[in-house]
Amino acid sequence: MATTHVPKVMTANRLSDGAVVYLTLAHTWSDRFADAHASAEPTELAGFEATALEAVRGRVVVGTYLFPVAIQSDGSLVPLGQRERIRSAGPTVGTDLPASFEVA
């Protein structure tokens, strides 16, 4: 029986501002889901994980993990899970707080 591998994307949160980011084909981080690179190849996924680990060690990102996606006929990606659909759509809270905002 052949094993079907589901394509996955690597995601994280950028430490400088908390933004959701995605690993690109060039193994850089982008805050645009459209820039994400997906793969179902175990060797390439291992490379995603190595890049993510290096970025965590370098204190660039935190909370890295792979999540499954569907690849549409036009090449665009669609997250398969509800959490990732929400994260890929952008912030769900106001982003207009001043930089000096302090919690009492």
N, C-alpha and C. Protein backbone atom coordinates (compact mmCIF):
# COMPACT_ATOMS: atom_id res chain seq x y z
N MET A 1 0.84 -1.18 0.00
CA MET A 1 0.00 0.00 0.00
C MET A 1 0.89 1.25 0.00
N ALA A 2 0.64 2.17 -0.90
CA ALA A 2 1.42 3.40 -1.00
C ALA A 2 0.97 4.39 0.07
N THR A 3 1.95 5.08 0.64
CA THR A 3 1.66 6.10 1.64
C THR A 3 1.53 7.44 0.95
N THR A 4 0.45 8.15 1.21
CA THR A 4 0.24 9.47 0.65
C THR A 4 0.71 10.50 1.66
N HIS A 5 1.62 11.35 1.23
CA HIS A 5 2.11 12.41 2.10
C HIS A 5 1.34 13.70 1.82
N VAL A 6 0.89 14.34 2.87
CA VAL A 6 0.16 15.60 2.76
C VAL A 6 1.17 16.73 2.76
N PRO A 7 1.04 17.70 1.85
CA PRO A 7 1.96 18.85 1.86
C PRO A 7 1.80 19.64 3.15
N LYS A 8 2.94 20.18 3.61
CA LYS A 8 2.94 20.95 4.85
C LYS A 8 3.73 22.24 4.67
N VAL A 9 3.41 23.20 5.51
CA VAL A 9 4.06 24.51 5.57
C VAL A 9 4.60 24.69 6.97
N MET A 10 5.76 25.34 7.10
CA MET A 10 6.33 25.67 8.41
C MET A 10 5.87 27.06 8.80
N THR A 11 5.42 27.20 10.02
CA THR A 11 5.00 28.50 10.54
C THR A 11 5.66 28.74 11.89
N ALA A 12 5.59 29.99 12.33
CA ALA A 12 6.16 30.41 13.62
C ALA A 12 5.62 31.79 13.94
N ASN A 13 6.09 32.33 15.06
CA ASN A 13 5.84 33.72 15.38
C ASN A 13 7.18 34.43 15.45
N ARG A 14 7.26 35.59 14.80
CA ARG A 14 8.49 36.39 14.80
C ARG A 14 8.65 37.02 16.18
N LEU A 15 9.83 36.92 16.75
CA LEU A 15 10.06 37.44 18.10
C LEU A 15 10.04 38.96 18.17
N SER A 16 10.44 39.64 17.12
CA SER A 16 10.51 41.11 17.18
C SER A 16 9.16 41.78 17.34
N ASP A 17 8.10 41.15 16.79
CA ASP A 17 6.78 41.78 16.87
C ASP A 17 5.62 40.81 17.08
N GLY A 18 5.91 39.52 17.16
CA GLY A 18 4.87 38.52 17.39
C GLY A 18 4.08 38.11 16.17
N ALA A 19 4.42 38.67 15.00
CA ALA A 19 3.66 38.37 13.78
C ALA A 19 3.78 36.89 13.41
N VAL A 20 2.72 36.36 12.83
CA VAL A 20 2.74 35.02 12.28
C VAL A 20 3.59 35.07 11.01
N VAL A 21 4.51 34.13 10.87
CA VAL A 21 5.38 34.08 9.69
C VAL A 21 5.41 32.67 9.13
N TYR A 22 5.79 32.58 7.86
CA TYR A 22 5.82 31.32 7.13
C TYR A 22 7.17 31.17 6.43
N LEU A 23 7.66 29.95 6.37
CA LEU A 23 8.92 29.67 5.71
C LEU A 23 8.71 29.68 4.20
N THR A 24 9.60 30.37 3.49
CA THR A 24 9.51 30.49 2.04
C THR A 24 10.44 29.49 1.35
N LEU A 25 10.34 29.43 0.05
CA LEU A 25 11.20 28.55 -0.75
C LEU A 25 12.68 28.88 -0.51
N ALA A 26 12.99 30.15 -0.29
CA ALA A 26 14.37 30.59 -0.05
C ALA A 26 14.81 30.38 1.40
N HIS A 27 13.96 29.74 2.20
CA HIS A 27 14.21 29.50 3.62
C HIS A 27 14.39 30.80 4.40
N THR A 28 13.58 31.79 4.03
CA THR A 28 13.45 33.03 4.79
C THR A 28 12.04 33.04 5.36
N TRP A 29 11.76 33.99 6.24
CA TRP A 29 10.45 34.08 6.88
C TRP A 29 9.66 35.23 6.30
N SER A 30 8.40 34.99 5.97
CA SER A 30 7.52 36.02 5.43
C SER A 30 6.24 36.07 6.24
N ASP A 31 5.70 37.27 6.40
CA ASP A 31 4.42 37.40 7.11
C ASP A 31 3.24 37.25 6.15
N ARG A 32 3.53 36.92 4.90
CA ARG A 32 2.47 36.70 3.90
C ARG A 32 2.31 35.19 3.66
N PHE A 33 1.13 34.67 3.93
CA PHE A 33 0.87 33.25 3.70
C PHE A 33 1.10 32.88 2.24
N ALA A 34 0.81 33.79 1.33
CA ALA A 34 1.00 33.53 -0.10
C ALA A 34 2.46 33.23 -0.44
N ASP A 35 3.39 33.65 0.40
CA ASP A 35 4.82 33.41 0.17
C ASP A 35 5.28 32.06 0.71
N ALA A 36 4.43 31.38 1.45
CA ALA A 36 4.81 30.10 2.08
C ALA A 36 5.14 29.06 1.04
N HIS A 37 6.09 28.20 1.38
CA HIS A 37 6.46 27.08 0.51
C HIS A 37 5.97 25.79 1.16
N ALA A 38 5.29 24.98 0.41
CA ALA A 38 4.76 23.71 0.92
C ALA A 38 5.51 22.55 0.28
N SER A 39 5.62 21.48 1.04
CA SER A 39 6.22 20.27 0.52
C SER A 39 5.65 19.06 1.23
N ALA A 40 5.64 17.94 0.52
CA ALA A 40 5.24 16.66 1.11
C ALA A 40 6.44 15.72 1.16
N GLU A 41 7.59 16.17 0.70
CA GLU A 41 8.79 15.35 0.65
C GLU A 41 9.47 15.31 2.01
N PRO A 42 9.65 14.13 2.58
CA PRO A 42 10.27 14.02 3.90
C PRO A 42 11.62 14.72 4.03
N THR A 43 12.44 14.63 2.99
CA THR A 43 13.76 15.28 3.05
C THR A 43 13.62 16.80 3.11
N GLU A 44 12.71 17.35 2.31
CA GLU A 44 12.50 18.79 2.32
C GLU A 44 11.87 19.24 3.63
N LEU A 45 10.96 18.45 4.18
CA LEU A 45 10.36 18.80 5.47
C LEU A 45 11.41 18.79 6.58
N ALA A 46 12.36 17.86 6.50
CA ALA A 46 13.47 17.85 7.46
C ALA A 46 14.29 19.13 7.33
N GLY A 47 14.45 19.61 6.11
CA GLY A 47 15.14 20.88 5.89
C GLY A 47 14.37 22.05 6.48
N PHE A 48 13.04 22.03 6.36
CA PHE A 48 12.21 23.06 6.99
C PHE A 48 12.47 23.08 8.50
N GLU A 49 12.48 21.87 9.07
CA GLU A 49 12.67 21.76 10.53
C GLU A 49 14.05 22.24 10.95
N ALA A 50 15.07 21.95 10.15
CA ALA A 50 16.43 22.41 10.46
C ALA A 50 16.51 23.93 10.39
N THR A 51 15.90 24.52 9.37
CA THR A 51 15.88 25.97 9.24
C THR A 51 15.15 26.61 10.41
N ALA A 52 14.02 26.01 10.79
CA ALA A 52 13.23 26.54 11.91
C ALA A 52 14.02 26.46 13.21
N LEU A 53 14.70 25.35 13.45
CA LEU A 53 15.50 25.20 14.66
C LEU A 53 16.61 26.23 14.72
N GLU A 54 17.25 26.48 13.60
CA GLU A 54 18.30 27.49 13.54
C GLU A 54 17.73 28.88 13.86
N ALA A 55 16.54 29.18 13.33
CA ALA A 55 15.90 30.48 13.59
C ALA A 55 15.48 30.63 15.05
N VAL A 56 15.08 29.53 15.68
CA VAL A 56 14.74 29.57 17.11
C VAL A 56 16.00 29.82 17.92
N ARG A 57 17.05 29.10 17.60
CA ARG A 57 18.33 29.28 18.30
C ARG A 57 18.87 30.70 18.13
N GLY A 58 18.62 31.29 16.95
CA GLY A 58 19.06 32.65 16.68
C GLY A 58 18.11 33.71 17.21
N ARG A 59 17.07 33.28 17.88
CA ARG A 59 16.06 34.17 18.47
C ARG A 59 15.38 35.07 17.43
N VAL A 60 15.11 34.45 16.27
CA VAL A 60 14.37 35.15 15.21
C VAL A 60 12.89 34.84 15.32
N VAL A 61 12.57 33.56 15.59
CA VAL A 61 11.19 33.11 15.70
C VAL A 61 11.03 32.21 16.91
N VAL A 62 9.77 31.92 17.24
CA VAL A 62 9.44 31.02 18.33
C VAL A 62 8.19 30.24 17.93
N GLY A 63 8.01 29.07 18.52
CA GLY A 63 6.78 28.30 18.30
C GLY A 63 6.65 27.74 16.91
N THR A 64 7.72 27.20 16.37
CA THR A 64 7.69 26.65 15.01
C THR A 64 6.94 25.33 14.96
N TYR A 65 6.20 25.11 13.88
CA TYR A 65 5.58 23.82 13.64
C TYR A 65 5.11 23.73 12.20
N LEU A 66 4.97 22.50 11.73
CA LEU A 66 4.45 22.22 10.39
C LEU A 66 2.94 22.02 10.46
N PHE A 67 2.24 22.48 9.43
CA PHE A 67 0.80 22.22 9.36
C PHE A 67 0.41 21.84 7.93
N PRO A 68 -0.63 21.01 7.79
CA PRO A 68 -1.03 20.53 6.47
C PRO A 68 -1.79 21.57 5.66
N VAL A 69 -1.55 21.52 4.36
CA VAL A 69 -2.24 22.41 3.43
C VAL A 69 -2.69 21.62 2.22
N ALA A 70 -3.63 22.20 1.51
CA ALA A 70 -4.03 21.68 0.19
C ALA A 70 -3.44 22.63 -0.84
N ILE A 71 -3.02 22.08 -1.97
CA ILE A 71 -2.49 22.89 -3.06
C ILE A 71 -3.55 22.93 -4.15
N GLN A 72 -4.03 24.13 -4.44
CA GLN A 72 -5.07 24.33 -5.45
C GLN A 72 -4.49 24.19 -6.86
N SER A 73 -5.33 24.07 -7.85
CA SER A 73 -4.88 23.89 -9.23
C SER A 73 -4.05 25.07 -9.74
N ASP A 74 -4.27 26.27 -9.16
CA ASP A 74 -3.49 27.44 -9.56
C ASP A 74 -2.19 27.58 -8.76
N GLY A 75 -1.92 26.60 -7.88
CA GLY A 75 -0.69 26.62 -7.08
C GLY A 75 -0.83 27.29 -5.73
N SER A 76 -1.96 27.93 -5.48
CA SER A 76 -2.15 28.60 -4.19
C SER A 76 -2.39 27.55 -3.10
N LEU A 77 -2.08 27.93 -1.88
CA LEU A 77 -2.20 27.04 -0.74
C LEU A 77 -3.43 27.38 0.08
N VAL A 78 -4.03 26.35 0.67
CA VAL A 78 -5.18 26.52 1.56
C VAL A 78 -4.91 25.72 2.82
N PRO A 79 -4.86 26.38 3.98
CA PRO A 79 -4.65 25.63 5.23
C PRO A 79 -5.81 24.67 5.46
N LEU A 80 -5.51 23.48 5.95
CA LEU A 80 -6.55 22.48 6.18
C LEU A 80 -7.20 22.61 7.55
N GLY A 81 -6.54 23.21 8.50
CA GLY A 81 -7.08 23.33 9.85
C GLY A 81 -7.67 24.71 10.11
N GLN A 82 -8.67 24.75 10.98
CA GLN A 82 -9.32 26.02 11.32
C GLN A 82 -8.34 27.02 11.92
N ARG A 83 -7.48 26.55 12.82
CA ARG A 83 -6.51 27.45 13.47
C ARG A 83 -5.64 28.12 12.42
N GLU A 84 -5.17 27.36 11.45
CA GLU A 84 -4.28 27.91 10.43
C GLU A 84 -5.03 28.80 9.45
N ARG A 85 -6.29 28.53 9.19
CA ARG A 85 -7.07 29.44 8.34
C ARG A 85 -7.18 30.79 9.03
N ILE A 86 -7.40 30.80 10.33
CA ILE A 86 -7.50 32.06 11.08
C ILE A 86 -6.15 32.77 11.08
N ARG A 87 -5.07 32.04 11.41
CA ARG A 87 -3.74 32.66 11.46
C ARG A 87 -3.32 33.22 10.10
N SER A 88 -3.64 32.53 9.02
CA SER A 88 -3.22 32.99 7.70
C SER A 88 -4.00 34.22 7.23
N ALA A 89 -5.16 34.47 7.83
CA ALA A 89 -5.98 35.62 7.44
C ALA A 89 -5.51 36.91 8.09
N GLY A 90 -4.61 36.83 9.07
CA GLY A 90 -4.09 38.03 9.70
C GLY A 90 -4.62 38.20 11.11
N PRO A 91 -4.18 39.27 11.78
CA PRO A 91 -4.56 39.49 13.18
C PRO A 91 -6.07 39.56 13.37
N THR A 92 -6.52 39.01 14.50
CA THR A 92 -7.95 39.05 14.81
C THR A 92 -8.26 40.10 15.87
N VAL A 93 -7.26 40.88 16.24
CA VAL A 93 -7.43 41.97 17.20
C VAL A 93 -6.87 43.23 16.57
N GLY A 94 -7.23 44.37 17.17
CA GLY A 94 -6.73 45.64 16.67
C GLY A 94 -5.21 45.72 16.73
N THR A 95 -4.62 46.29 15.72
CA THR A 95 -3.17 46.46 15.69
C THR A 95 -2.79 47.93 15.81
N ASP A 96 -3.74 48.75 16.28
CA ASP A 96 -3.52 50.19 16.32
C ASP A 96 -3.10 50.70 17.71
N LEU A 97 -2.70 49.80 18.60
CA LEU A 97 -2.24 50.24 19.92
C LEU A 97 -0.91 50.96 19.77
N PRO A 98 -0.70 52.05 20.54
CA PRO A 98 0.58 52.75 20.45
C PRO A 98 1.71 51.85 20.94
N ALA A 99 2.90 52.09 20.41
CA ALA A 99 4.06 51.27 20.77
C ALA A 99 4.37 51.36 22.26
N SER A 100 3.99 52.47 22.89
CA SER A 100 4.30 52.66 24.31
C SER A 100 3.17 52.19 25.21
N PHE A 101 2.20 51.46 24.66
CA PHE A 101 1.06 50.98 25.44
C PHE A 101 1.55 50.13 26.61
N GLU A 102 1.07 50.45 27.81
CA GLU A 102 1.44 49.70 29.00
C GLU A 102 0.19 49.16 29.67
N VAL A 103 0.28 47.95 30.16
CA VAL A 103 -0.81 47.35 30.91
C VAL A 103 -0.65 47.73 32.38
N ALA A 104 -1.71 48.22 32.97
CA ALA A 104 -1.64 48.67 34.37
C ALA A 104 -1.62 47.50 35.30
